[in-house]
Structures are given as structure tokens and as C-alpha cells.
Amino acid sequence: FVTAPTDGAVIDTTTGEVTGGVGGSTYQISYITSGPCTSVTEQSLTSILIDDASFTITPGCDGGVPVISGLAGGVFSFLVTPTDGAIIDPVTGIVSNAPFGASYTIRYDTNGPCVNFSEVTFTVYEQPLIFMPAPLDVCDDNVPDYITEFDLSVKNNEITGANPDYLVTYHFDQADADAGVGALPNPYLGQNGQVIFVRVVDATTGCYSLTTLDLVVNQA
């Protein structure tokens, strides 16, 4: 070196190979011949920056979605191949088909001029913890037809355990409950023996759980 570096770089005096330096640094290298008439030449060497492999992962209800903050175009993989059915897209890094609460470490390898890698561990969101409610019993109205109005909201706390982060809706069938559409009005005009579906969403994560509620109409 013309000037000794302070970043830890060292040079092999025989081959001239420089190692241990910092990417993007510039070094002045001198070469002295060993013949009877020695001469000296100098060259400037700038090392290439190592690829930025940084990324983050946003958890979801069945996996996670990565956001690359470094060099794009690399390859994603599981550090340890899971046995629970979870899969990863090597191009996008999206993890899917993962069970609630599972944790994974994801590796990202760059493909730039100075390859690098990084690893991020994340945990899939938990499913809302809910409880199977007892049947909702009401008395029939003045028309003895076993059809009357139900105040469905009286079951909210029983189903959610009074969790303030849970949002409750009631649905005619499971398809509507799974899709989060067609919420029943409250009060609801129901009939004896009817089974309706309850959807509980965690307002923090967006994950949901389902249960059912039996409607019972008693004759006065």
C-alpha cells in the first residue's frame, strides 16, 4: 500500500491480492519490480460494495409478505424447510399455507456483483380465541309461530370472552361468514331451531374465527 489503510485491509505482497477491506474503499497500490533496474508503478483500486440484502416481513393470517429494502432480484428460501405445509415463492418471498402462530426464518440471497444474504424470522398471526355460545333463548311474540326478533348482540361477550379487540358479525350461512359478507341485521327476525354463523375478527391482525349460534323460540 502507498498509504497504510486503517479499515483492516491487508495485501499479499507476492500476489498483490487485497483482502479484509471495506466495500467502496479506495486503495493506492504500488508495485516494485525485482530486476536489476527496479521501477515502481502505482494503481488505484476501489473495492465493490457488497450487495444490500436487507428486507423485512409483514406477518399475515396464513403466512407473510416480504418487503425488500436492499437489492431486488434475489432468491428467497426457508432456512429450515417446514413440515407443516407452508410454502414460499422464491421470487416474491411470499409465505402461504402456514398454520396460525407458526414461526419461520426466511433467507434472502442477492444476485448482484458482490453476493450477500440476510435472514429474518417472523411469526404468523394467531387465530382469534373464541367460545361456543349457549343457545339464544327468547319467548315468542304475540303470534305463536315460533318466529320472533332476536337481539344477537347479547351473545357478543360470551363468544369473544369480552375481548375489546374482537369484532362480531352474524351470518345466514358459512359461505357468507367466511367471506365476511351479508351480515345479519340486529335485531334479527329468526325462527326456532335456526342455526346462524358467527364471524369474529381480530381488529389488530384481521384474522378471523367462526362458530355457530342456535336460536330457540319458546312459547309463552
C-alpha atoms as a PDB file:
ATOM      1  CA  PHE A   1       0.000   0.000   0.000  1.00  0.00           C
ATOM      2  CA  VAL A   2       1.210   3.522  -0.710  1.00  0.00           C
ATOM      3  CA  THR A   3      -0.628   4.609   2.409  1.00  0.00           C
ATOM      4  CA  ALA A   4      -1.426   2.001   5.034  1.00  0.00           C
ATOM      5  CA  PRO A   5      -5.213   1.628   5.323  1.00  0.00           C
ATOM      6  CA  THR A   6      -6.986   1.837   8.675  1.00  0.00           C
ATOM      7  CA  ASP A   7     -10.024  -0.289   7.771  1.00  0.00           C
ATOM      8  CA  GLY A   8      -8.362  -3.671   8.261  1.00  0.00           C
ATOM      9  CA  ALA A   9      -7.395  -4.244   4.640  1.00  0.00           C
ATOM     10  CA  VAL A  10      -4.250  -6.303   4.047  1.00  0.00           C
ATOM     11  CA  ILE A  11      -2.278  -7.020   0.896  1.00  0.00           C
ATOM     12  CA  ASP A  12      -0.424 -10.151  -0.154  1.00  0.00           C
ATOM     13  CA  THR A  13       2.996  -8.809  -1.102  1.00  0.00           C
ATOM     14  CA  THR A  14       3.545 -11.670  -3.562  1.00  0.00           C
ATOM     15  CA  THR A  15       0.244 -11.811  -5.411  1.00  0.00           C
ATOM     16  CA  GLY A  16      -0.987  -8.284  -4.692  1.00  0.00           C
ATOM     17  CA  GLU A  17      -4.384  -9.585  -3.575  1.00  0.00           C
ATOM     18  CA  VAL A  18      -6.172  -7.225  -1.163  1.00  0.00           C
ATOM     19  CA  THR A  19      -8.490  -8.725   1.465  1.00  0.00           C
ATOM     20  CA  GLY A  20     -10.239  -7.662   4.650  1.00  0.00           C
ATOM     21  CA  GLY A  21     -11.166  -4.205   3.386  1.00  0.00           C
ATOM     22  CA  VAL A  22     -14.448  -2.314   3.319  1.00  0.00           C
ATOM     23  CA  GLY A  23     -16.632  -2.227   0.243  1.00  0.00           C
ATOM     24  CA  GLY A  24     -16.432   1.038  -1.671  1.00  0.00           C
ATOM     25  CA  SER A  25     -12.979   1.911  -0.268  1.00  0.00           C
ATOM     26  CA  THR A  26     -10.117   3.092  -2.494  1.00  0.00           C
ATOM     27  CA  TYR A  27      -6.517   1.983  -2.015  1.00  0.00           C
ATOM     28  CA  GLN A  28      -3.286   3.072  -3.686  1.00  0.00           C
ATOM     29  CA  ILE A  29      -1.203   0.037  -4.578  1.00  0.00           C
ATOM     30  CA  SER A  30       2.461   0.233  -5.547  1.00  0.00           C
ATOM     31  CA  TYR A  31       4.414  -2.475  -7.351  1.00  0.00           C
ATOM     32  CA  ILE A  32       8.191  -2.551  -7.305  1.00  0.00           C
ATOM     33  CA  THR A  33       9.982  -4.753  -9.801  1.00  0.00           C
ATOM     34  CA  SER A  34      12.789  -7.028  -8.625  1.00  0.00           C
ATOM     35  CA  GLY A  35      15.061  -6.862 -11.660  1.00  0.00           C
ATOM     36  CA  PRO A  36      18.489  -5.219 -11.880  1.00  0.00           C
ATOM     37  CA  CYS A  37      16.870  -1.912 -12.728  1.00  0.00           C
ATOM     38  CA  THR A  38      13.925  -1.593 -10.368  1.00  0.00           C
ATOM     39  CA  SER A  39      10.916   0.513 -11.216  1.00  0.00           C
ATOM     40  CA  VAL A  40       7.777   1.454  -9.362  1.00  0.00           C
ATOM     41  CA  THR A  41       4.204   1.734 -10.635  1.00  0.00           C
ATOM     42  CA  GLU A  42       1.113   2.722  -8.743  1.00  0.00           C
ATOM     43  CA  GLN A  43      -2.542   1.819  -9.303  1.00  0.00           C
ATOM     44  CA  SER A  44      -5.739   2.942  -7.628  1.00  0.00           C
ATOM     45  CA  LEU A  45      -8.051   0.126  -6.510  1.00  0.00           C
ATOM     46  CA  THR A  46     -11.671   0.709  -5.474  1.00  0.00           C
ATOM     47  CA  SER A  47     -13.443  -2.303  -3.976  1.00  0.00           C
ATOM     48  CA  ILE A  48     -17.025  -3.072  -4.971  1.00  0.00           C
ATOM     49  CA  LEU A  49     -19.772  -2.533  -2.405  1.00  0.00           C
ATOM     50  CA  ILE A  50     -21.274  -5.737  -1.057  1.00  0.00           C
ATOM     51  CA  ASP A  51     -24.917  -6.255  -2.050  1.00  0.00           C
ATOM     52  CA  ASP A  52     -27.514  -4.915   0.358  1.00  0.00           C
ATOM     53  CA  ALA A  53     -29.604  -7.971   1.281  1.00  0.00           C
ATOM     54  CA  SER A  54     -31.858  -6.268   3.826  1.00  0.00           C
ATOM     55  CA  PHE A  55     -35.598  -6.971   3.918  1.00  0.00           C
ATOM     56  CA  THR A  56     -38.499  -7.146   6.356  1.00  0.00           C
ATOM     57  CA  ILE A  57     -41.566  -9.394   6.565  1.00  0.00           C
ATOM     58  CA  THR A  58     -45.117  -8.366   7.387  1.00  0.00           C
ATOM     59  CA  PRO A  59     -46.939 -11.280   9.070  1.00  0.00           C
ATOM     60  CA  GLY A  60     -50.380 -12.356   7.909  1.00  0.00           C
ATOM     61  CA  CYS A  61     -53.024 -14.864   8.916  1.00  0.00           C
ATOM     62  CA  ASP A  62     -51.626 -17.709   6.789  1.00  0.00           C
ATOM     63  CA  GLY A  63     -48.055 -16.571   6.105  1.00  0.00           C
ATOM     64  CA  GLY A  64     -46.140 -13.360   5.468  1.00  0.00           C
ATOM     65  CA  VAL A  65     -45.187 -10.835   2.797  1.00  0.00           C
ATOM     66  CA  PRO A  66     -41.584  -9.580   2.452  1.00  0.00           C
ATOM     67  CA  VAL A  67     -40.542  -6.040   1.588  1.00  0.00           C
ATOM     68  CA  ILE A  68     -37.046  -5.706   0.133  1.00  0.00           C
ATOM     69  CA  SER A  69     -35.233  -2.562   1.210  1.00  0.00           C
ATOM     70  CA  GLY A  70     -31.930  -3.630  -0.337  1.00  0.00           C
ATOM     71  CA  LEU A  71     -31.082  -5.015  -3.788  1.00  0.00           C
ATOM     72  CA  ALA A  72     -34.058  -6.609  -5.536  1.00  0.00           C
ATOM     73  CA  GLY A  73     -33.926  -9.622  -7.835  1.00  0.00           C
ATOM     74  CA  GLY A  74     -32.561 -12.194  -5.408  1.00  0.00           C
ATOM     75  CA  VAL A  75     -33.939 -15.528  -4.215  1.00  0.00           C
ATOM     76  CA  PHE A  76     -35.944 -16.314  -1.075  1.00  0.00           C
ATOM     77  CA  SER A  77     -35.939 -19.619   0.781  1.00  0.00           C
ATOM     78  CA  PHE A  78     -36.753 -21.165   4.150  1.00  0.00           C
ATOM     79  CA  LEU A  79     -33.681 -21.517   6.351  1.00  0.00           C
ATOM     80  CA  VAL A  80     -35.227 -24.792   7.559  1.00  0.00           C
ATOM     81  CA  THR A  81     -37.762 -26.491   5.286  1.00  0.00           C
ATOM     82  CA  PRO A  82     -41.071 -26.652   7.210  1.00  0.00           C
ATOM     83  CA  THR A  83     -43.109 -29.821   7.532  1.00  0.00           C
ATOM     84  CA  ASP A  84     -46.431 -28.089   8.240  1.00  0.00           C
ATOM     85  CA  GLY A  85     -47.393 -27.423   4.617  1.00  0.00           C
ATOM     86  CA  ALA A  86     -46.138 -23.832   4.445  1.00  0.00           C
ATOM     87  CA  ILE A  87     -44.698 -22.799   1.077  1.00  0.00           C
ATOM     88  CA  ILE A  88     -42.573 -19.878  -0.115  1.00  0.00           C
ATOM     89  CA  ASP A  89     -42.388 -18.210  -3.515  1.00  0.00           C
ATOM     90  CA  PRO A  90     -38.642 -17.986  -4.272  1.00  0.00           C
ATOM     91  CA  VAL A  91     -39.126 -14.851  -6.405  1.00  0.00           C
ATOM     92  CA  THR A  92     -41.556 -12.798  -4.313  1.00  0.00           C
ATOM     93  CA  GLY A  93     -40.763 -14.394  -0.946  1.00  0.00           C
ATOM     94  CA  ILE A  94     -44.463 -14.625  -0.072  1.00  0.00           C
ATOM     95  CA  VAL A  95     -45.100 -17.355   2.504  1.00  0.00           C
ATOM     96  CA  SER A  96     -48.527 -19.005   2.328  1.00  0.00           C
ATOM     97  CA  ASN A  97     -50.480 -22.010   3.602  1.00  0.00           C
ATOM     98  CA  ALA A  98     -48.906 -21.575   7.026  1.00  0.00           C
ATOM     99  CA  PRO A  99     -50.760 -22.511  10.227  1.00  0.00           C
ATOM    100  CA  PHE A 100     -51.652 -19.881  12.815  1.00  0.00           C
ATOM    101  CA  GLY A 101     -48.842 -18.989  15.213  1.00  0.00           C
ATOM    102  CA  ALA A 102     -46.072 -20.771  13.275  1.00  0.00           C
ATOM    103  CA  SER A 103     -42.601 -19.182  13.114  1.00  0.00           C
ATOM    104  CA  TYR A 104     -40.180 -19.294  10.189  1.00  0.00           C
ATOM    105  CA  THR A 105     -36.744 -17.926   9.352  1.00  0.00           C
ATOM    106  CA  ILE A 106     -36.519 -16.650   5.787  1.00  0.00           C
ATOM    107  CA  ARG A 107     -33.235 -16.269   3.902  1.00  0.00           C
ATOM    108  CA  TYR A 108     -32.719 -13.836   1.040  1.00  0.00           C
ATOM    109  CA  ASP A 109     -29.727 -14.259  -1.293  1.00  0.00           C
ATOM    110  CA  THR A 110     -28.825 -11.419  -3.644  1.00  0.00           C
ATOM    111  CA  ASN A 111     -27.535 -11.947  -7.182  1.00  0.00           C
ATOM    112  CA  GLY A 112     -25.592  -8.715  -7.654  1.00  0.00           C
ATOM    113  CA  PRO A 113     -21.871  -8.184  -8.256  1.00  0.00           C
ATOM    114  CA  CYS A 114     -20.972  -8.935  -4.609  1.00  0.00           C
ATOM    115  CA  VAL A 115     -23.487 -11.537  -3.403  1.00  0.00           C
ATOM    116  CA  ASN A 116     -24.758 -11.312   0.133  1.00  0.00           C
ATOM    117  CA  PHE A 117     -27.575 -12.754   2.217  1.00  0.00           C
ATOM    118  CA  SER A 118     -29.695 -11.911   5.242  1.00  0.00           C
ATOM    119  CA  GLU A 119     -32.186 -13.775   7.420  1.00  0.00           C
ATOM    120  CA  VAL A 120     -35.422 -12.634   9.056  1.00  0.00           C
ATOM    121  CA  THR A 121     -37.585 -14.588  11.497  1.00  0.00           C
ATOM    122  CA  PHE A 122     -41.316 -13.907  11.734  1.00  0.00           C
ATOM    123  CA  THR A 123     -44.401 -15.443  13.343  1.00  0.00           C
ATOM    124  CA  VAL A 124     -47.769 -15.902  11.648  1.00  0.00           C
ATOM    125  CA  TYR A 125     -50.634 -14.175  13.421  1.00  0.00           C
ATOM    126  CA  GLU A 126     -52.721 -16.169  15.871  1.00  0.00           C
ATOM    127  CA  GLN A 127     -56.357 -17.022  15.183  1.00  0.00           C
ATOM    128  CA  PRO A 128     -58.841 -15.222  17.449  1.00  0.00           C
ATOM    129  CA  LEU A 129     -59.699 -17.286  20.538  1.00  0.00           C
ATOM    130  CA  ILE A 130     -63.480 -17.558  20.767  1.00  0.00           C
ATOM    131  CA  PHE A 131     -66.013 -19.648  22.662  1.00  0.00           C
ATOM    132  CA  MET A 132     -69.026 -21.687  21.595  1.00  0.00           C
ATOM    133  CA  PRO A 133     -72.115 -19.870  22.897  1.00  0.00           C
ATOM    134  CA  ALA A 134     -75.099 -21.431  24.591  1.00  0.00           C
ATOM    135  CA  PRO A 135     -78.333 -21.282  22.544  1.00  0.00           C
ATOM    136  CA  LEU A 136     -80.068 -17.912  22.422  1.00  0.00           C
ATOM    137  CA  ASP A 137     -83.492 -18.433  24.002  1.00  0.00           C
ATOM    138  CA  VAL A 138     -86.318 -15.912  23.611  1.00  0.00           C
ATOM    139  CA  CYS A 139     -90.067 -16.003  24.108  1.00  0.00           C
ATOM    140  CA  ASP A 140     -92.354 -15.955  21.102  1.00  0.00           C
ATOM    141  CA  ASP A 141     -94.190 -12.766  20.318  1.00  0.00           C
ATOM    142  CA  ASN A 142     -97.961 -12.337  20.187  1.00  0.00           C
ATOM    143  CA  VAL A 143     -98.132 -14.542  17.091  1.00  0.00           C
ATOM    144  CA  PRO A 144     -97.420 -18.149  18.151  1.00  0.00           C
ATOM    145  CA  ASP A 145     -95.461 -19.147  15.051  1.00  0.00           C
ATOM    146  CA  TYR A 146     -92.022 -19.706  16.580  1.00  0.00           C
ATOM    147  CA  ILE A 147     -90.707 -16.693  14.658  1.00  0.00           C
ATOM    148  CA  THR A 148     -89.617 -13.596  16.521  1.00  0.00           C
ATOM    149  CA  GLU A 149     -86.909 -10.968  16.856  1.00  0.00           C
ATOM    150  CA  PHE A 150     -83.542 -11.806  18.431  1.00  0.00           C
ATOM    151  CA  ASP A 151     -81.029  -9.349  19.860  1.00  0.00           C
ATOM    152  CA  LEU A 152     -77.922 -11.155  18.626  1.00  0.00           C
ATOM    153  CA  SER A 153     -75.527  -8.718  20.279  1.00  0.00           C
ATOM    154  CA  VAL A 154     -76.282 -10.126  23.731  1.00  0.00           C
ATOM    155  CA  LYS A 155     -74.035 -13.058  22.803  1.00  0.00           C
ATOM    156  CA  ASN A 156     -71.016 -10.957  21.804  1.00  0.00           C
ATOM    157  CA  ASN A 157     -69.197 -11.035  25.136  1.00  0.00           C
ATOM    158  CA  GLU A 158     -69.918 -14.717  25.674  1.00  0.00           C
ATOM    159  CA  ILE A 159     -68.385 -15.562  22.293  1.00  0.00           C
ATOM    160  CA  THR A 160     -65.376 -13.232  22.497  1.00  0.00           C
ATOM    161  CA  GLY A 161     -64.618 -13.513  26.187  1.00  0.00           C
ATOM    162  CA  ALA A 162     -65.261  -9.749  26.282  1.00  0.00           C
ATOM    163  CA  ASN A 163     -62.113  -9.090  24.227  1.00  0.00           C
ATOM    164  CA  PRO A 164     -62.379  -5.429  23.143  1.00  0.00           C
ATOM    165  CA  ASP A 165     -60.261  -6.051  20.023  1.00  0.00           C
ATOM    166  CA  TYR A 166     -62.728  -8.536  18.549  1.00  0.00           C
ATOM    167  CA  LEU A 167     -65.434  -7.523  16.072  1.00  0.00           C
ATOM    168  CA  VAL A 168     -68.509  -9.780  15.850  1.00  0.00           C
ATOM    169  CA  THR A 169     -70.921 -10.257  12.958  1.00  0.00           C
ATOM    170  CA  TYR A 170     -73.671 -12.835  12.409  1.00  0.00           C
ATOM    171  CA  HIS A 171     -74.403 -14.545   9.073  1.00  0.00           C
ATOM    172  CA  PHE A 172     -77.034 -16.766   7.484  1.00  0.00           C
ATOM    173  CA  ASP A 173     -74.567 -19.415   6.263  1.00  0.00           C
ATOM    174  CA  GLN A 174     -70.898 -20.357   6.483  1.00  0.00           C
ATOM    175  CA  ALA A 175     -70.073 -19.105   2.984  1.00  0.00           C
ATOM    176  CA  ASP A 176     -71.141 -15.578   3.948  1.00  0.00           C
ATOM    177  CA  ALA A 177     -69.321 -15.826   7.262  1.00  0.00           C
ATOM    178  CA  ASP A 178     -66.070 -16.943   5.614  1.00  0.00           C
ATOM    179  CA  ALA A 179     -66.329 -14.157   3.030  1.00  0.00           C
ATOM    180  CA  GLY A 180     -67.335 -11.545   5.599  1.00  0.00           C
ATOM    181  CA  VAL A 181     -70.411 -10.520   3.625  1.00  0.00           C
ATOM    182  CA  GLY A 182     -74.143 -10.460   4.254  1.00  0.00           C
ATOM    183  CA  ALA A 183     -74.074  -9.638   7.950  1.00  0.00           C
ATOM    184  CA  LEU A 184     -77.482 -10.155   9.529  1.00  0.00           C
ATOM    185  CA  PRO A 185     -79.298  -7.093  10.889  1.00  0.00           C
ATOM    186  CA  ASN A 186     -79.776  -6.676  14.600  1.00  0.00           C
ATOM    187  CA  PRO A 187     -82.372  -7.239  15.860  1.00  0.00           C
ATOM    188  CA  TYR A 188     -82.796 -10.254  13.587  1.00  0.00           C
ATOM    189  CA  LEU A 189     -86.102 -11.965  12.730  1.00  0.00           C
ATOM    190  CA  GLY A 190     -85.249 -15.610  13.308  1.00  0.00           C
ATOM    191  CA  GLN A 191     -87.083 -18.849  13.889  1.00  0.00           C
ATOM    192  CA  ASN A 192     -86.927 -21.699  16.335  1.00  0.00           C
ATOM    193  CA  GLY A 193     -84.223 -24.256  15.549  1.00  0.00           C
ATOM    194  CA  GLN A 194     -82.316 -21.965  13.190  1.00  0.00           C
ATOM    195  CA  VAL A 195     -78.515 -22.108  13.273  1.00  0.00           C
ATOM    196  CA  ILE A 196     -76.637 -18.975  12.277  1.00  0.00           C
ATOM    197  CA  PHE A 197     -72.904 -18.450  11.830  1.00  0.00           C
ATOM    198  CA  VAL A 198     -70.769 -16.093  13.873  1.00  0.00           C
ATOM    199  CA  ARG A 199     -67.652 -14.392  12.474  1.00  0.00           C
ATOM    200  CA  VAL A 200     -65.163 -12.866  14.924  1.00  0.00           C
ATOM    201  CA  VAL A 201     -62.381 -10.681  13.510  1.00  0.00           C
ATOM    202  CA  ASP A 202     -59.329  -9.521  15.432  1.00  0.00           C
ATOM    203  CA  ALA A 203     -59.244  -5.801  14.635  1.00  0.00           C
ATOM    204  CA  THR A 204     -55.474  -5.764  15.147  1.00  0.00           C
ATOM    205  CA  THR A 205     -54.488  -8.584  12.790  1.00  0.00           C
ATOM    206  CA  GLY A 206     -57.518  -9.023  10.520  1.00  0.00           C
ATOM    207  CA  CYS A 207     -57.634 -12.766  11.244  1.00  0.00           C
ATOM    208  CA  TYR A 208     -60.993 -14.365  11.955  1.00  0.00           C
ATOM    209  CA  SER A 209     -62.635 -17.362  13.608  1.00  0.00           C
ATOM    210  CA  LEU A 210     -66.078 -18.882  13.101  1.00  0.00           C
ATOM    211  CA  THR A 211     -68.612 -20.520  15.373  1.00  0.00           C
ATOM    212  CA  THR A 212     -72.360 -21.110  15.356  1.00  0.00           C
ATOM    213  CA  LEU A 213     -75.300 -19.933  17.391  1.00  0.00           C
ATOM    214  CA  ASP A 214     -78.554 -21.854  17.882  1.00  0.00           C
ATOM    215  CA  LEU A 215     -81.775 -19.831  18.010  1.00  0.00           C
ATOM    216  CA  VAL A 216     -84.576 -21.075  20.257  1.00  0.00           C
ATOM    217  CA  VAL A 217     -88.098 -19.648  20.400  1.00  0.00           C
ATOM    218  CA  ASN A 218     -90.155 -20.647  23.439  1.00  0.00           C
ATOM    219  CA  GLN A 219     -93.907 -20.419  23.533  1.00  0.00           C
ATOM    220  CA  ALA A 220     -95.234 -18.165  26.264  1.00  0.00           C
END
